[in-house]
Each structure stands twice: as structure tokens, then as C-alpha cells.
Amino acid sequence: MKPKRITKHQYYLNIAKEVSRRSTCFRRSIGAIIIRDDQIISTGYVGAPRKTKDSFEHGLCLRDKLNIPHGQRYELCRSVHAEQNAIINAARAGVSLLGGDMYIYGSKYKNSKPINAFPCFICKKMIINAGLNLVICSTKEGDMKIFKVQEWTEEWRDKDIIDTKNQYGKK
């Protein structure tokens, strides 16, 4: 009997999970990888901008200190999101993302259970402009959810950029 082989989606989501272990956020560990032509072209995790102090070094989460709920007031966070870092890292290396797919894995800090690692509104806009095709995310049920970026574009065009479903931080 031959062993069961995991799917490519699960394979890449598992790699994003490993990348998430580098996160420096007290609230969430999130990792993202970008694949094009069946090859990893970029990775990113939640963390402070290069050469600055992260939340671990500060010893606290500023948004927790200010009692800011999840999914709100991202401008007050020290960290750059995993999706943003993956896009930025590709740009730093001069790598095109056009036609690629992004895999995002997230869990609560100090907890191995997955969360709905759906991109926030800001990251969705960056993903659209980067020219990615699919976004494959971990879910709190341990499954994955696949988003077609073109559908976000169409929905926002038709509904005047109202983002009401599959938001990060929503129950």
C-alpha cells in the first residue's frame, strides 16, 4: 500500500505555518509565502520593520496596552503583516509576483491551533495590486479557504469597495 500524499495546497500551507513561527507579535503568529510556477518566490511573517524593536523586545503589545480590539487600528501596531512582508521581500529581490498565489497560515500566539488567517482590508488591496491570483488561508477548523483575487476585485467594483465578509478579526 502506498502512503497518502498531501496536496500541493496543504504542502505550501504547511510551509507558511513554519514561516509563521518567526512572528514577533504577542497576539498572532502569521506566515505567508508566495508561489509562482510551483516555486516559492517569497516569504513573510508578522514582525517589526527591519532594524527596529519588535513587540517581544519592547515586552508588550501596544494595541493590547491601549485595549484595541483585533481587526482595528492597524496603524498603531509596530508590526508589518506577513502578507505585506512577503510582497515587500519579493520587491527587494526584484521578483515579479504577477500570476502567483499566496498561502497564509495563522495561529494564536503560544497556541498551535489555526485561526482564520484571512487578509485584512489593507493587505487585500496590496494583494490585488501585486497581481496575485489565489490566496489560500488556514481556517480555525483546520481546513483551508481559497479566495480568487479576481472575485475580490469584481465584488469591490460592484459594491464600491465595501468589504463586509471574510474579514480578519470577525467572528
Protein backbone atom coordinates (compact mmCIF):
# COMPACT_ATOMS: atom_id res chain seq x y z
CA MET A 1 0.00 0.00 0.00
CA LYS A 2 1.33 3.40 -0.95
CA PRO A 3 1.34 6.24 1.62
CA LYS A 4 -1.17 9.05 1.22
CA ARG A 5 0.41 12.14 -0.28
CA ILE A 6 -0.67 15.60 0.87
CA THR A 7 -1.97 18.07 -1.71
CA LYS A 8 0.14 20.94 -3.03
CA HIS A 9 -2.14 23.37 -1.19
CA GLN A 10 -1.52 21.56 2.11
CA TYR A 11 2.21 21.33 1.39
CA TYR A 12 2.51 25.08 0.84
CA LEU A 13 0.22 25.93 3.76
CA ASN A 14 2.46 23.78 5.99
CA ILE A 15 5.48 25.80 4.83
CA ALA A 16 3.60 29.03 5.63
CA LYS A 17 2.92 27.57 9.09
CA GLU A 18 6.65 27.09 9.63
CA VAL A 19 7.34 30.66 8.44
CA SER A 20 4.77 31.90 10.98
CA ARG A 21 6.99 30.64 13.79
CA ARG A 22 9.28 33.66 13.17
CA SER A 23 6.47 36.10 14.05
CA THR A 24 7.13 38.68 16.76
CA CYS A 25 3.53 39.52 17.65
CA PHE A 26 2.00 38.73 21.05
CA ARG A 27 -1.46 38.32 19.52
CA ARG A 28 -0.89 36.18 16.44
CA SER A 29 1.71 34.12 14.62
CA ILE A 30 1.15 34.51 10.89
CA GLY A 31 3.27 33.44 7.97
CA ALA A 32 2.80 33.98 4.25
CA ILE A 33 4.52 32.54 1.23
CA ILE A 34 4.12 33.40 -2.42
CA ILE A 35 4.31 30.69 -5.07
CA ARG A 36 4.70 31.18 -8.79
CA ASP A 37 5.22 28.36 -11.28
CA ASP A 38 5.22 25.83 -8.43
CA GLN A 39 8.18 27.54 -6.76
CA ILE A 40 8.43 29.60 -3.56
CA ILE A 41 9.44 33.12 -4.57
CA SER A 42 8.92 35.00 -1.32
CA THR A 43 8.08 34.59 2.36
CA GLY A 44 6.98 36.93 5.11
CA TYR A 45 5.89 36.84 8.73
CA VAL A 46 4.43 39.33 11.19
CA GLY A 47 7.22 41.49 12.55
CA ALA A 48 8.52 44.98 13.13
CA PRO A 49 10.24 46.83 10.27
CA ARG A 50 13.86 45.83 9.74
CA LYS A 51 16.35 47.14 12.29
CA THR A 52 13.63 48.34 14.70
CA LYS A 53 12.49 46.88 18.01
CA ASP A 54 9.66 44.37 17.82
CA SER A 55 6.95 43.76 20.43
CA PHE A 56 8.97 40.99 22.09
CA GLU A 57 11.90 43.37 22.59
CA HIS A 58 9.54 46.02 23.97
CA GLY A 59 7.94 43.38 26.19
CA LEU A 60 4.39 44.36 25.31
CA CYS A 61 1.83 44.78 22.57
CA LEU A 62 0.96 48.44 22.17
CA ARG A 63 -2.52 47.64 20.88
CA ASP A 64 -3.18 45.39 23.91
CA LYS A 65 -1.95 48.16 26.21
CA LEU A 66 -4.41 50.55 24.53
CA ASN A 67 -7.26 47.95 24.62
CA ILE A 68 -7.67 48.00 20.85
CA PRO A 69 -9.77 45.07 19.56
CA HIS A 70 -8.48 42.68 16.92
CA GLY A 71 -9.01 43.87 13.36
CA GLN A 72 -8.92 47.58 14.25
CA ARG A 73 -6.43 50.47 14.27
CA TYR A 74 -3.60 48.68 12.47
CA GLU A 75 -1.74 51.96 12.14
CA LEU A 76 -0.91 51.72 15.85
CA CYS A 77 0.75 48.31 15.51
CA ARG A 78 4.55 48.01 15.46
CA SER A 79 4.38 45.05 13.09
CA VAL A 80 4.19 44.70 9.35
CA HIS A 81 1.72 41.99 8.34
CA ALA A 82 3.00 38.70 6.91
CA GLU A 83 1.31 39.36 3.57
CA GLN A 84 2.91 42.79 3.33
CA ASN A 85 6.33 41.42 4.22
CA ALA A 86 6.05 38.69 1.57
CA ILE A 87 5.21 41.32 -1.07
CA ILE A 88 7.95 43.67 0.17
CA ASN A 89 10.55 40.89 0.25
CA ALA A 90 9.79 40.00 -3.37
CA ALA A 91 10.17 43.66 -4.35
CA ARG A 92 13.52 43.90 -2.53
CA ALA A 93 14.73 40.89 -4.55
CA GLY A 94 13.32 42.23 -7.83
CA VAL A 95 10.92 39.31 -8.21
CA SER A 96 7.60 39.71 -10.03
CA LEU A 97 4.52 38.39 -8.27
CA LEU A 98 2.23 38.54 -11.31
CA GLY A 99 0.21 35.36 -11.58
CA GLY A 100 1.41 33.98 -8.24
CA ASP A 101 -0.55 32.55 -5.32
CA MET A 102 -0.23 33.45 -1.64
CA TYR A 103 -0.56 30.99 1.22
CA ILE A 104 -1.27 32.36 4.70
CA TYR A 105 -1.17 30.38 7.93
CA GLY A 106 -2.08 31.85 11.29
CA SER A 107 -2.46 30.76 14.89
CA LYS A 108 -2.90 32.48 18.22
CA TYR A 109 0.38 33.32 19.91
CA LYS A 110 1.65 30.42 22.04
CA ASN A 111 -1.06 28.16 20.59
CA SER A 112 -0.76 25.74 17.72
CA LYS A 113 -4.45 25.86 16.80
CA PRO A 114 -5.02 27.58 13.45
CA ILE A 115 -7.13 30.69 13.04
CA ASN A 116 -8.99 32.19 10.12
CA ALA A 117 -5.90 33.82 8.63
CA PHE A 118 -7.82 35.97 6.16
CA PRO A 119 -6.03 39.10 4.92
CA CYS A 120 -7.09 42.45 6.38
CA PHE A 121 -8.54 45.13 4.14
CA ILE A 122 -5.15 46.82 3.64
CA CYS A 123 -3.44 43.55 2.72
CA LYS A 124 -6.25 42.65 0.30
CA LYS A 125 -5.62 45.88 -1.59
CA MET A 126 -1.90 45.14 -1.77
CA ILE A 127 -2.57 41.57 -2.95
CA ILE A 128 -4.83 42.85 -5.72
CA ASN A 129 -2.27 45.40 -6.89
CA ALA A 130 0.56 42.84 -6.72
CA GLY A 131 -1.24 40.79 -9.39
CA LEU A 132 -1.73 37.60 -7.39
CA ASN A 133 -4.33 35.04 -8.49
CA LEU A 134 -5.25 32.99 -5.42
CA VAL A 135 -4.99 33.41 -1.66
CA ILE A 136 -5.13 30.17 0.32
CA CYS A 137 -5.67 30.67 4.06
CA SER A 138 -5.76 28.49 7.15
CA THR A 139 -9.12 28.35 8.96
CA LYS A 140 -9.95 27.85 12.62
CA GLU A 141 -11.50 24.48 11.69
CA GLY A 142 -8.10 23.28 10.47
CA ASP A 143 -9.13 23.43 6.83
CA MET A 144 -8.23 26.00 4.23
CA LYS A 145 -10.20 28.65 2.39
CA ILE A 146 -9.29 29.58 -1.15
CA PHE A 147 -10.01 33.10 -2.40
CA LYS A 148 -9.85 34.15 -6.03
CA VAL A 149 -8.37 37.64 -6.10
CA GLN A 150 -10.32 38.47 -9.26
CA GLU A 151 -13.55 37.90 -7.29
CA TRP A 152 -12.45 40.49 -4.68
CA THR A 153 -11.85 42.96 -7.49
CA GLU A 154 -15.24 42.30 -9.06
CA GLU A 155 -17.07 42.42 -5.74
CA TRP A 156 -15.43 45.69 -4.73
CA ARG A 157 -16.06 47.23 -8.14
CA ASP A 158 -19.74 46.27 -7.99
CA LYS A 159 -20.20 47.22 -4.32
CA ASP A 160 -17.96 50.31 -4.24
CA ILE A 161 -15.16 48.69 -2.16
CA ILE A 162 -17.36 47.58 0.69
CA ASP A 163 -15.54 44.79 2.46
CA THR A 164 -18.05 43.03 4.68
CA LYS A 165 -17.30 39.31 4.60
CA ASN A 166 -14.29 37.14 5.41
CA GLN A 167 -12.60 39.93 7.34
CA TYR A 168 -9.75 39.23 9.70
CA GLY A 169 -10.86 39.64 13.30
CA LYS A 170 -14.53 38.91 12.59
CA LYS A 171 -16.12 36.00 14.41
